[in-house]
């Protein structure tokens, strides 16, 4: 199993998730994060007192899928995450060594 993680502009995340779901991906998570992608406009940019830097609010997308589905997930994220900038985010692939369900019979 693999984890595909992407950091993208918040304005693109809805389209990415919609396309991933249409392609059959079901194990998705989206988290709002602060990051350093180049802002699309001044309205997207904030100043973080904690970090002492200009930041933007981004989305972190996590997709868990079988090994043979990674290429399709990455393709969708890269296609629908485009903003018109030269660089609009990053996509990472990691191996997931173990997966355990949380269900009624979960115990120690």
N, C-alpha and C. Protein backbone atom coordinates (compact mmCIF):
# COMPACT_ATOMS: atom_id res chain seq x y z
N UNK A 1 0.84 -1.17 0.00
CA UNK A 1 0.00 0.00 0.00
C UNK A 1 0.89 1.24 0.00
N UNK A 2 0.36 2.33 -0.54
CA UNK A 2 1.10 3.59 -0.64
C UNK A 2 0.29 4.74 -0.06
N UNK A 3 1.02 5.77 0.36
CA UNK A 3 0.41 7.04 0.72
C UNK A 3 0.91 8.06 -0.29
N UNK A 4 -0.01 8.77 -0.90
CA UNK A 4 0.32 9.88 -1.78
C UNK A 4 -0.11 11.13 -1.02
N UNK A 5 0.85 12.00 -0.77
CA UNK A 5 0.60 13.22 0.00
C UNK A 5 0.90 14.41 -0.90
N UNK A 6 0.04 15.42 -0.84
CA UNK A 6 0.25 16.60 -1.67
C UNK A 6 -0.02 17.86 -0.87
N UNK A 7 0.76 18.89 -1.16
CA UNK A 7 0.54 20.22 -0.59
C UNK A 7 0.16 21.12 -1.75
N UNK A 8 -1.07 21.66 -1.70
CA UNK A 8 -1.60 22.42 -2.82
C UNK A 8 -2.31 23.68 -2.32
N UNK A 9 -2.58 24.58 -3.24
CA UNK A 9 -3.35 25.77 -2.92
C UNK A 9 -4.77 25.37 -2.53
N UNK A 10 -5.31 26.02 -1.50
CA UNK A 10 -6.65 25.68 -1.00
C UNK A 10 -7.71 25.83 -2.07
N UNK A 11 -7.54 26.75 -2.98
CA UNK A 11 -8.53 26.96 -4.03
C UNK A 11 -8.62 25.82 -5.03
N UNK A 12 -7.66 24.90 -5.02
CA UNK A 12 -7.65 23.78 -5.96
C UNK A 12 -8.12 22.47 -5.33
N UNK A 13 -8.21 22.42 -4.00
CA UNK A 13 -8.43 21.14 -3.33
C UNK A 13 -9.79 20.52 -3.65
N UNK A 14 -10.84 21.32 -3.78
CA UNK A 14 -12.17 20.76 -4.06
C UNK A 14 -12.19 20.02 -5.40
N UNK A 15 -11.59 20.61 -6.42
CA UNK A 15 -11.54 19.95 -7.73
C UNK A 15 -10.73 18.66 -7.69
N UNK A 16 -9.62 18.69 -6.96
CA UNK A 16 -8.78 17.49 -6.85
C UNK A 16 -9.55 16.36 -6.16
N UNK A 17 -10.18 16.67 -5.03
CA UNK A 17 -10.92 15.65 -4.30
C UNK A 17 -12.07 15.10 -5.14
N UNK A 18 -12.78 15.97 -5.82
CA UNK A 18 -13.89 15.54 -6.68
C UNK A 18 -13.41 14.56 -7.75
N UNK A 19 -12.29 14.86 -8.38
CA UNK A 19 -11.75 13.99 -9.43
C UNK A 19 -11.23 12.67 -8.86
N UNK A 20 -10.58 12.73 -7.71
CA UNK A 20 -10.11 11.50 -7.08
C UNK A 20 -11.28 10.59 -6.72
N UNK A 21 -12.33 11.16 -6.14
CA UNK A 21 -13.50 10.36 -5.79
C UNK A 21 -14.16 9.77 -7.04
N UNK A 22 -14.24 10.55 -8.11
CA UNK A 22 -14.82 10.06 -9.36
C UNK A 22 -14.01 8.91 -9.94
N UNK A 23 -12.70 8.91 -9.66
CA UNK A 23 -11.82 7.84 -10.15
C UNK A 23 -11.79 6.64 -9.20
N UNK A 24 -12.58 6.69 -8.12
CA UNK A 24 -12.69 5.55 -7.23
C UNK A 24 -11.84 5.58 -5.98
N UNK A 25 -11.12 6.67 -5.75
CA UNK A 25 -10.31 6.77 -4.53
C UNK A 25 -11.22 7.13 -3.37
N UNK A 26 -11.12 6.38 -2.27
CA UNK A 26 -12.01 6.57 -1.13
C UNK A 26 -11.28 6.90 0.17
N UNK A 27 -10.03 6.56 0.27
CA UNK A 27 -9.27 6.78 1.51
C UNK A 27 -8.52 8.11 1.40
N UNK A 28 -9.25 9.21 1.65
CA UNK A 28 -8.71 10.55 1.49
C UNK A 28 -8.83 11.33 2.79
N UNK A 29 -7.87 12.20 3.03
CA UNK A 29 -7.93 13.16 4.14
C UNK A 29 -7.44 14.50 3.62
N UNK A 30 -8.06 15.57 4.10
CA UNK A 30 -7.64 16.92 3.75
C UNK A 30 -7.48 17.71 5.05
N UNK A 31 -6.34 18.37 5.18
CA UNK A 31 -6.04 19.15 6.38
C UNK A 31 -5.57 20.53 5.95
N UNK A 32 -6.08 21.57 6.62
CA UNK A 32 -5.57 22.92 6.38
C UNK A 32 -4.24 23.07 7.09
N UNK A 33 -3.26 23.59 6.37
CA UNK A 33 -1.92 23.80 6.93
C UNK A 33 -1.40 25.16 6.51
N UNK A 34 -0.38 25.64 7.20
CA UNK A 34 0.32 26.86 6.83
C UNK A 34 1.55 26.45 6.05
N UNK A 35 1.84 27.16 4.97
CA UNK A 35 2.99 26.78 4.17
C UNK A 35 3.60 27.94 3.43
N UNK A 36 4.55 27.59 2.59
CA UNK A 36 5.36 28.60 1.93
C UNK A 36 5.25 28.56 0.40
N UNK A 37 4.17 27.99 -0.13
CA UNK A 37 3.97 28.08 -1.57
C UNK A 37 3.87 29.55 -1.96
N UNK A 38 4.22 29.85 -3.20
CA UNK A 38 4.12 31.23 -3.67
C UNK A 38 2.64 31.60 -3.78
N UNK A 39 2.26 32.70 -3.17
CA UNK A 39 0.88 33.15 -3.17
C UNK A 39 0.42 33.50 -4.57
N UNK A 40 -0.85 33.21 -4.85
CA UNK A 40 -1.43 33.57 -6.13
C UNK A 40 -1.74 35.06 -6.18
N UNK A 41 -2.02 35.65 -5.02
CA UNK A 41 -2.27 37.09 -4.93
C UNK A 41 -1.97 37.53 -3.50
N UNK A 42 -1.96 38.84 -3.29
CA UNK A 42 -1.72 39.37 -1.94
C UNK A 42 -2.81 38.93 -0.97
N UNK A 43 -4.01 38.69 -1.47
CA UNK A 43 -5.12 38.27 -0.61
C UNK A 43 -4.89 36.89 0.00
N UNK A 44 -4.10 36.06 -0.66
CA UNK A 44 -3.85 34.71 -0.19
C UNK A 44 -2.75 34.67 0.87
N UNK A 45 -2.00 35.74 0.98
CA UNK A 45 -0.81 35.74 1.83
C UNK A 45 -1.12 36.33 3.21
N UNK A 46 -0.53 35.74 4.23
CA UNK A 46 -0.64 36.22 5.61
C UNK A 46 0.76 36.29 6.20
N UNK A 47 0.86 36.94 7.34
CA UNK A 47 2.12 36.95 8.06
C UNK A 47 1.95 36.15 9.34
N UNK A 48 2.80 35.18 9.56
CA UNK A 48 2.74 34.34 10.75
C UNK A 48 3.69 34.91 11.79
N UNK A 49 3.11 35.35 12.89
CA UNK A 49 3.94 35.85 14.00
C UNK A 49 4.77 34.72 14.58
N UNK A 50 4.15 33.51 14.67
CA UNK A 50 4.87 32.36 15.23
C UNK A 50 6.10 32.00 14.41
N UNK A 51 5.97 32.06 13.10
CA UNK A 51 7.08 31.67 12.23
C UNK A 51 7.95 32.84 11.80
N UNK A 52 7.43 34.04 11.94
CA UNK A 52 8.19 35.22 11.52
C UNK A 52 8.37 35.28 10.01
N UNK A 53 7.41 34.75 9.28
CA UNK A 53 7.49 34.66 7.82
C UNK A 53 6.13 34.93 7.20
N UNK A 54 6.15 35.25 5.92
CA UNK A 54 4.91 35.30 5.15
C UNK A 54 4.53 33.87 4.79
N UNK A 55 3.27 33.55 4.96
CA UNK A 55 2.79 32.19 4.68
C UNK A 55 1.48 32.28 3.91
N UNK A 56 1.05 31.15 3.40
CA UNK A 56 -0.31 31.05 2.87
C UNK A 56 -0.97 29.84 3.54
N UNK A 57 -2.28 29.87 3.58
CA UNK A 57 -3.02 28.70 4.04
C UNK A 57 -3.13 27.75 2.86
N UNK A 58 -2.62 26.56 3.03
CA UNK A 58 -2.61 25.54 1.99
C UNK A 58 -3.45 24.36 2.44
N UNK A 59 -3.59 23.41 1.56
CA UNK A 59 -4.25 22.15 1.91
C UNK A 59 -3.24 21.03 1.79
N UNK A 60 -3.26 20.13 2.78
CA UNK A 60 -2.48 18.90 2.69
C UNK A 60 -3.47 17.78 2.40
N UNK A 61 -3.24 17.08 1.32
CA UNK A 61 -4.09 15.98 0.90
C UNK A 61 -3.34 14.68 1.12
N UNK A 62 -4.00 13.70 1.74
CA UNK A 62 -3.43 12.37 1.92
C UNK A 62 -4.35 11.37 1.24
N UNK A 63 -3.77 10.57 0.37
CA UNK A 63 -4.52 9.53 -0.34
C UNK A 63 -3.81 8.21 -0.07
N UNK A 64 -4.56 7.23 0.44
CA UNK A 64 -4.01 5.90 0.65
C UNK A 64 -4.58 4.99 -0.41
N UNK A 65 -3.69 4.26 -1.12
CA UNK A 65 -4.14 3.43 -2.24
C UNK A 65 -3.20 2.26 -2.45
N UNK A 66 -3.63 1.35 -3.30
CA UNK A 66 -2.79 0.22 -3.67
C UNK A 66 -1.66 0.70 -4.57
N UNK A 67 -0.59 -0.05 -4.62
CA UNK A 67 0.60 0.34 -5.38
C UNK A 67 0.28 0.66 -6.84
N UNK A 68 -0.60 -0.13 -7.45
CA UNK A 68 -0.90 0.06 -8.87
C UNK A 68 -1.81 1.25 -9.14
N UNK A 69 -2.27 1.95 -8.10
CA UNK A 69 -3.13 3.12 -8.26
C UNK A 69 -2.38 4.44 -8.08
N UNK A 70 -1.13 4.37 -7.66
CA UNK A 70 -0.35 5.57 -7.35
C UNK A 70 -0.23 6.49 -8.56
N UNK A 71 0.14 5.94 -9.68
CA UNK A 71 0.36 6.77 -10.87
C UNK A 71 -0.90 7.57 -11.23
N UNK A 72 -2.06 6.94 -11.14
CA UNK A 72 -3.32 7.62 -11.47
C UNK A 72 -3.62 8.72 -10.43
N UNK A 73 -3.40 8.44 -9.16
CA UNK A 73 -3.64 9.45 -8.13
C UNK A 73 -2.74 10.67 -8.34
N UNK A 74 -1.47 10.42 -8.60
CA UNK A 74 -0.52 11.52 -8.82
C UNK A 74 -0.92 12.32 -10.06
N UNK A 75 -1.31 11.63 -11.10
CA UNK A 75 -1.73 12.30 -12.34
C UNK A 75 -2.90 13.25 -12.08
N UNK A 76 -3.90 12.78 -11.34
CA UNK A 76 -5.08 13.61 -11.04
C UNK A 76 -4.68 14.82 -10.20
N UNK A 77 -3.88 14.60 -9.17
CA UNK A 77 -3.45 15.71 -8.30
C UNK A 77 -2.68 16.75 -9.09
N UNK A 78 -1.76 16.31 -9.91
CA UNK A 78 -0.93 17.25 -10.69
C UNK A 78 -1.76 18.00 -11.73
N UNK A 79 -2.71 17.32 -12.34
CA UNK A 79 -3.55 17.97 -13.36
C UNK A 79 -4.50 18.99 -12.75
N UNK A 80 -5.20 18.60 -11.69
CA UNK A 80 -6.22 19.47 -11.13
C UNK A 80 -5.69 20.41 -10.05
N UNK A 81 -4.41 20.28 -9.69
CA UNK A 81 -3.79 21.19 -8.74
C UNK A 81 -3.13 22.38 -9.40
N UNK A 82 -3.14 22.41 -10.72
CA UNK A 82 -2.48 23.51 -11.44
C UNK A 82 -3.14 24.85 -11.14
N UNK A 83 -2.29 25.89 -11.06
CA UNK A 83 -2.77 27.25 -10.79
C UNK A 83 -2.36 28.23 -11.87
N UNK A 84 -1.53 27.81 -12.81
CA UNK A 84 -0.98 28.72 -13.80
C UNK A 84 0.42 29.19 -13.44
N UNK A 85 0.86 28.88 -12.23
CA UNK A 85 2.22 29.21 -11.80
C UNK A 85 3.18 28.11 -12.29
N UNK A 86 4.46 28.43 -12.31
CA UNK A 86 5.46 27.42 -12.66
C UNK A 86 5.49 26.30 -11.63
N UNK A 87 5.28 26.64 -10.36
CA UNK A 87 5.28 25.66 -9.28
C UNK A 87 4.09 25.93 -8.37
N UNK A 88 3.15 24.97 -8.30
CA UNK A 88 1.92 25.19 -7.54
C UNK A 88 1.76 24.21 -6.39
N UNK A 89 2.80 23.47 -6.06
CA UNK A 89 2.71 22.53 -4.95
C UNK A 89 3.63 21.35 -5.15
N UNK A 90 3.50 20.37 -4.25
CA UNK A 90 4.36 19.19 -4.27
C UNK A 90 3.54 17.95 -4.01
N UNK A 91 3.94 16.84 -4.62
CA UNK A 91 3.30 15.54 -4.40
C UNK A 91 4.39 14.56 -3.95
N UNK A 92 4.09 13.79 -2.90
CA UNK A 92 5.04 12.83 -2.35
C UNK A 92 4.41 11.44 -2.35
N UNK A 93 5.23 10.43 -2.49
CA UNK A 93 4.79 9.04 -2.40
C UNK A 93 5.59 8.34 -1.31
N UNK A 94 4.89 7.62 -0.45
CA UNK A 94 5.54 6.87 0.62
C UNK A 94 4.94 5.47 0.67
N UNK A 95 5.74 4.54 1.15
CA UNK A 95 5.26 3.18 1.34
C UNK A 95 4.62 3.06 2.72
N UNK A 96 3.49 2.40 2.76
CA UNK A 96 2.80 2.13 4.03
C UNK A 96 3.09 0.67 4.37
N UNK A 97 3.77 0.45 5.47
CA UNK A 97 4.19 -0.90 5.85
C UNK A 97 3.06 -1.74 6.43
N UNK A 98 2.21 -1.13 7.22
CA UNK A 98 1.13 -1.88 7.87
C UNK A 98 -0.12 -1.03 7.91
N UNK A 99 -1.27 -1.72 7.86
CA UNK A 99 -2.57 -1.06 7.99
C UNK A 99 -3.42 -1.91 8.92
N UNK A 100 -4.02 -1.28 9.93
CA UNK A 100 -4.90 -2.00 10.85
C UNK A 100 -6.26 -1.33 10.85
N UNK A 101 -7.33 -2.11 10.78
CA UNK A 101 -8.66 -1.50 10.85
C UNK A 101 -9.00 -1.13 12.30
N UNK A 102 -9.82 -0.13 12.44
CA UNK A 102 -10.41 0.19 13.74
C UNK A 102 -11.87 -0.23 13.61
N UNK A 103 -12.21 -1.32 14.28
CA UNK A 103 -13.56 -1.83 14.19
C UNK A 103 -14.04 -2.34 15.54
N UNK A 104 -15.21 -2.93 15.58
CA UNK A 104 -15.79 -3.40 16.84
C UNK A 104 -14.90 -4.41 17.56
N UNK A 105 -14.19 -5.21 16.80
CA UNK A 105 -13.39 -6.25 17.42
C UNK A 105 -11.96 -5.80 17.73
N UNK A 106 -11.65 -4.51 17.51
CA UNK A 106 -10.31 -4.01 17.80
C UNK A 106 -9.99 -4.18 19.26
N UNK A 107 -8.86 -4.76 19.54
CA UNK A 107 -8.43 -4.96 20.92
C UNK A 107 -6.94 -4.87 21.02
N UNK A 108 -6.43 -5.11 22.18
CA UNK A 108 -4.98 -5.04 22.37
C UNK A 108 -4.38 -6.42 22.36
